[in-house]
Amino acid sequence: MVQSLNVSVASALILYEAQRQRQNAGLYQRQHSLLDEADYQRLLFEGGYPVLARIAKQKGLPCPHINAQGKVEADADWWATMQATGKKK
């Protein structure tokens, strides 16, 4: 009998159970996300590149496309604006 679980073990058990229930419900067998493509790309960009996302938002730039390998796909103008000092006009 276990009298104590540390936080990391308890968290792992909770996450495993959540994943198991979601898998049994068929939530991981979808071919496509329930999000529309724009929201999906925005979340990928903000979650994967938080610093770039913050700068892009400050400069008023749109979120670039994130490819299947998780890399940013943006044109040279987007990158030039990101590297320029000051806000986009």
N, C-alpha and C. Protein backbone atom coordinates (compact mmCIF):
# COMPACT_ATOMS: atom_id res chain seq x y z
N MET A 1 0.83 -1.18 0.00
CA MET A 1 0.00 0.00 0.00
C MET A 1 0.88 1.25 0.00
N VAL A 2 0.52 2.19 -0.84
CA VAL A 2 1.27 3.43 -0.93
C VAL A 2 0.63 4.45 0.00
N GLN A 3 1.44 5.06 0.84
CA GLN A 3 0.92 6.05 1.77
C GLN A 3 1.09 7.47 1.26
N SER A 4 1.97 7.65 0.30
CA SER A 4 2.22 9.00 -0.18
C SER A 4 2.65 8.95 -1.65
N LEU A 5 2.11 9.86 -2.43
CA LEU A 5 2.55 10.04 -3.82
C LEU A 5 3.07 11.46 -3.95
N ASN A 6 4.20 11.59 -4.61
CA ASN A 6 4.67 12.96 -4.81
C ASN A 6 3.88 13.60 -5.95
N VAL A 7 4.03 14.87 -6.11
CA VAL A 7 3.23 15.63 -7.07
C VAL A 7 3.48 15.15 -8.50
N SER A 8 4.71 14.83 -8.85
CA SER A 8 4.99 14.43 -10.23
C SER A 8 4.33 13.09 -10.56
N VAL A 9 4.33 12.16 -9.63
CA VAL A 9 3.69 10.87 -9.88
C VAL A 9 2.18 11.05 -9.95
N ALA A 10 1.62 11.83 -9.06
CA ALA A 10 0.17 12.08 -9.08
C ALA A 10 -0.23 12.76 -10.39
N SER A 11 0.56 13.73 -10.85
CA SER A 11 0.28 14.41 -12.12
C SER A 11 0.35 13.44 -13.28
N ALA A 12 1.35 12.58 -13.28
CA ALA A 12 1.49 11.60 -14.35
C ALA A 12 0.28 10.67 -14.40
N LEU A 13 -0.19 10.24 -13.25
CA LEU A 13 -1.37 9.37 -13.22
C LEU A 13 -2.61 10.06 -13.75
N ILE A 14 -2.79 11.31 -13.37
CA ILE A 14 -3.95 12.08 -13.84
C ILE A 14 -3.88 12.28 -15.35
N LEU A 15 -2.70 12.66 -15.86
CA LEU A 15 -2.55 12.87 -17.30
C LEU A 15 -2.74 11.56 -18.08
N TYR A 16 -2.23 10.48 -17.56
CA TYR A 16 -2.41 9.19 -18.22
C TYR A 16 -3.89 8.84 -18.30
N GLU A 17 -4.61 9.01 -17.21
CA GLU A 17 -6.04 8.68 -17.20
C GLU A 17 -6.83 9.58 -18.15
N ALA A 18 -6.50 10.86 -18.19
CA ALA A 18 -7.16 11.77 -19.12
C ALA A 18 -6.90 11.34 -20.56
N GLN A 19 -5.66 10.99 -20.87
CA GLN A 19 -5.31 10.54 -22.22
C GLN A 19 -6.04 9.25 -22.56
N ARG A 20 -6.11 8.32 -21.62
CA ARG A 20 -6.77 7.05 -21.85
C ARG A 20 -8.26 7.25 -22.14
N GLN A 21 -8.90 8.12 -21.38
CA GLN A 21 -10.32 8.38 -21.60
C GLN A 21 -10.56 9.07 -22.93
N ARG A 22 -9.70 10.02 -23.29
CA ARG A 22 -9.85 10.70 -24.59
C ARG A 22 -9.63 9.72 -25.74
N GLN A 23 -8.68 8.82 -25.60
CA GLN A 23 -8.43 7.83 -26.64
C GLN A 23 -9.62 6.89 -26.78
N ASN A 24 -10.17 6.45 -25.66
CA ASN A 24 -11.34 5.57 -25.70
C ASN A 24 -12.55 6.26 -26.31
N ALA A 25 -12.64 7.57 -26.17
CA ALA A 25 -13.75 8.33 -26.75
C ALA A 25 -13.52 8.63 -28.23
N GLY A 26 -12.36 8.26 -28.77
CA GLY A 26 -12.08 8.47 -30.19
C GLY A 26 -11.58 9.86 -30.53
N LEU A 27 -11.15 10.61 -29.55
CA LEU A 27 -10.72 11.98 -29.80
C LEU A 27 -9.36 12.08 -30.49
N TYR A 28 -8.58 11.02 -30.49
CA TYR A 28 -7.27 11.04 -31.14
C TYR A 28 -7.30 10.38 -32.52
N GLN A 29 -8.47 9.96 -32.98
CA GLN A 29 -8.56 9.27 -34.25
C GLN A 29 -9.11 10.16 -35.36
N ARG A 30 -9.20 11.44 -35.11
CA ARG A 30 -9.73 12.37 -36.11
C ARG A 30 -8.69 12.62 -37.19
N GLN A 31 -9.17 12.80 -38.40
CA GLN A 31 -8.29 13.14 -39.50
C GLN A 31 -7.96 14.63 -39.51
N HIS A 32 -8.88 15.44 -38.97
CA HIS A 32 -8.72 16.90 -38.99
C HIS A 32 -9.07 17.48 -37.63
N SER A 33 -8.50 18.61 -37.34
CA SER A 33 -8.77 19.31 -36.09
C SER A 33 -10.19 19.89 -36.13
N LEU A 34 -10.79 20.06 -34.97
CA LEU A 34 -12.09 20.71 -34.88
C LEU A 34 -11.97 22.23 -35.01
N LEU A 35 -10.76 22.74 -34.88
CA LEU A 35 -10.53 24.18 -35.03
C LEU A 35 -10.45 24.53 -36.50
N ASP A 36 -10.85 25.76 -36.83
CA ASP A 36 -10.64 26.18 -38.22
C ASP A 36 -9.14 26.42 -38.42
N GLU A 37 -8.70 26.45 -39.66
CA GLU A 37 -7.27 26.50 -39.97
C GLU A 37 -6.59 27.74 -39.40
N ALA A 38 -7.26 28.89 -39.43
CA ALA A 38 -6.65 30.13 -38.93
C ALA A 38 -6.38 30.03 -37.42
N ASP A 39 -7.36 29.54 -36.66
CA ASP A 39 -7.16 29.38 -35.22
C ASP A 39 -6.09 28.33 -34.92
N TYR A 40 -6.10 27.25 -35.69
CA TYR A 40 -5.11 26.19 -35.52
C TYR A 40 -3.70 26.74 -35.72
N GLN A 41 -3.50 27.49 -36.79
CA GLN A 41 -2.19 28.06 -37.08
C GLN A 41 -1.78 29.09 -36.03
N ARG A 42 -2.73 29.90 -35.58
CA ARG A 42 -2.44 30.90 -34.54
C ARG A 42 -1.98 30.22 -33.26
N LEU A 43 -2.69 29.17 -32.85
CA LEU A 43 -2.31 28.46 -31.63
C LEU A 43 -0.96 27.76 -31.76
N LEU A 44 -0.69 27.20 -32.94
CA LEU A 44 0.63 26.60 -33.17
C LEU A 44 1.73 27.64 -33.05
N PHE A 45 1.51 28.79 -33.65
CA PHE A 45 2.51 29.86 -33.63
C PHE A 45 2.70 30.41 -32.22
N GLU A 46 1.60 30.73 -31.53
CA GLU A 46 1.70 31.30 -30.19
C GLU A 46 2.30 30.31 -29.19
N GLY A 47 1.95 29.04 -29.31
CA GLY A 47 2.46 28.05 -28.39
C GLY A 47 3.88 27.62 -28.70
N GLY A 48 4.22 27.54 -29.98
CA GLY A 48 5.54 27.07 -30.38
C GLY A 48 6.60 28.16 -30.43
N TYR A 49 6.17 29.38 -30.68
CA TYR A 49 7.10 30.50 -30.82
C TYR A 49 6.57 31.71 -30.05
N PRO A 50 6.50 31.62 -28.72
CA PRO A 50 5.87 32.70 -27.95
C PRO A 50 6.56 34.05 -28.10
N VAL A 51 7.87 34.07 -28.21
CA VAL A 51 8.58 35.35 -28.35
C VAL A 51 8.28 35.97 -29.71
N LEU A 52 8.37 35.16 -30.78
CA LEU A 52 8.04 35.67 -32.11
C LEU A 52 6.59 36.12 -32.18
N ALA A 53 5.69 35.37 -31.55
CA ALA A 53 4.26 35.72 -31.56
C ALA A 53 4.03 37.07 -30.90
N ARG A 54 4.71 37.31 -29.79
CA ARG A 54 4.55 38.58 -29.08
C ARG A 54 5.06 39.74 -29.94
N ILE A 55 6.20 39.56 -30.58
CA ILE A 55 6.76 40.61 -31.43
C ILE A 55 5.87 40.85 -32.64
N ALA A 56 5.40 39.77 -33.27
CA ALA A 56 4.52 39.90 -34.43
C ALA A 56 3.24 40.65 -34.06
N LYS A 57 2.70 40.35 -32.90
CA LYS A 57 1.49 41.03 -32.45
C LYS A 57 1.76 42.51 -32.22
N GLN A 58 2.89 42.83 -31.60
CA GLN A 58 3.25 44.24 -31.36
C GLN A 58 3.40 45.00 -32.67
N LYS A 59 3.91 44.31 -33.69
CA LYS A 59 4.14 44.95 -34.99
C LYS A 59 2.93 44.87 -35.92
N GLY A 60 1.87 44.22 -35.46
CA GLY A 60 0.67 44.12 -36.28
C GLY A 60 0.79 43.16 -37.44
N LEU A 61 1.68 42.19 -37.33
CA LEU A 61 1.88 41.21 -38.40
C LEU A 61 0.94 40.02 -38.22
N PRO A 62 0.51 39.41 -39.31
CA PRO A 62 -0.31 38.21 -39.19
C PRO A 62 0.54 37.02 -38.75
N CYS A 63 -0.13 36.02 -38.23
CA CYS A 63 0.58 34.79 -37.86
C CYS A 63 1.02 34.07 -39.13
N PRO A 64 2.26 33.65 -39.20
CA PRO A 64 2.72 32.91 -40.38
C PRO A 64 2.24 31.46 -40.32
N HIS A 65 2.40 30.77 -41.41
CA HIS A 65 2.03 29.35 -41.47
C HIS A 65 3.09 28.53 -40.74
N ILE A 66 2.65 27.55 -39.97
CA ILE A 66 3.55 26.60 -39.32
C ILE A 66 3.39 25.28 -40.07
N ASN A 67 4.47 24.75 -40.63
CA ASN A 67 4.36 23.54 -41.44
C ASN A 67 4.28 22.28 -40.58
N ALA A 68 4.20 21.14 -41.22
CA ALA A 68 4.04 19.86 -40.51
C ALA A 68 5.24 19.52 -39.64
N GLN A 69 6.39 20.10 -39.94
CA GLN A 69 7.59 19.87 -39.12
C GLN A 69 7.71 20.89 -37.99
N GLY A 70 6.75 21.81 -37.90
CA GLY A 70 6.75 22.80 -36.83
C GLY A 70 7.59 24.02 -37.12
N LYS A 71 7.96 24.23 -38.37
CA LYS A 71 8.79 25.37 -38.74
C LYS A 71 7.92 26.51 -39.28
N VAL A 72 8.38 27.73 -39.03
CA VAL A 72 7.68 28.92 -39.53
C VAL A 72 7.93 29.05 -41.02
N GLU A 73 6.84 29.21 -41.77
CA GLU A 73 6.94 29.46 -43.21
C GLU A 73 6.40 30.87 -43.46
N ALA A 74 7.32 31.81 -43.65
CA ALA A 74 6.93 33.19 -43.89
C ALA A 74 7.80 33.76 -45.00
N ASP A 75 7.26 34.75 -45.70
CA ASP A 75 8.03 35.34 -46.79
C ASP A 75 9.09 36.29 -46.25
N ALA A 76 9.95 36.74 -47.14
CA ALA A 76 11.07 37.59 -46.75
C ALA A 76 10.60 38.91 -46.16
N ASP A 77 9.49 39.47 -46.66
CA ASP A 77 8.97 40.73 -46.12
C ASP A 77 8.55 40.58 -44.66
N TRP A 78 7.92 39.45 -44.33
CA TRP A 78 7.49 39.21 -42.95
C TRP A 78 8.71 39.17 -42.04
N TRP A 79 9.75 38.43 -42.45
CA TRP A 79 10.97 38.33 -41.64
C TRP A 79 11.67 39.69 -41.53
N ALA A 80 11.69 40.45 -42.62
CA ALA A 80 12.33 41.76 -42.59
C ALA A 80 11.62 42.68 -41.61
N THR A 81 10.29 42.64 -41.61
CA THR A 81 9.53 43.46 -40.67
C THR A 81 9.77 43.01 -39.24
N MET A 82 9.87 41.71 -39.03
CA MET A 82 10.14 41.19 -37.69
C MET A 82 11.51 41.67 -37.18
N GLN A 83 12.48 41.75 -38.07
CA GLN A 83 13.84 42.13 -37.67
C GLN A 83 14.01 43.63 -37.56
N ALA A 84 13.13 44.40 -38.21
CA ALA A 84 13.24 45.86 -38.18
C ALA A 84 12.88 46.38 -36.78
N THR A 85 13.51 47.49 -36.44
CA THR A 85 13.17 48.11 -35.16
C THR A 85 11.92 48.96 -35.33
N GLY A 86 11.12 49.06 -34.29
CA GLY A 86 9.89 49.84 -34.34
C GLY A 86 8.71 49.03 -34.84
N LYS A 87 7.52 49.66 -34.77
CA LYS A 87 6.28 48.99 -35.18
C LYS A 87 6.03 49.16 -36.67
N LYS A 88 5.26 48.24 -37.23
CA LYS A 88 4.87 48.30 -38.63
C LYS A 88 3.91 49.47 -38.81
N LYS A 89 4.05 50.19 -39.92
CA LYS A 89 3.18 51.34 -40.18
C LYS A 89 2.14 51.03 -41.20
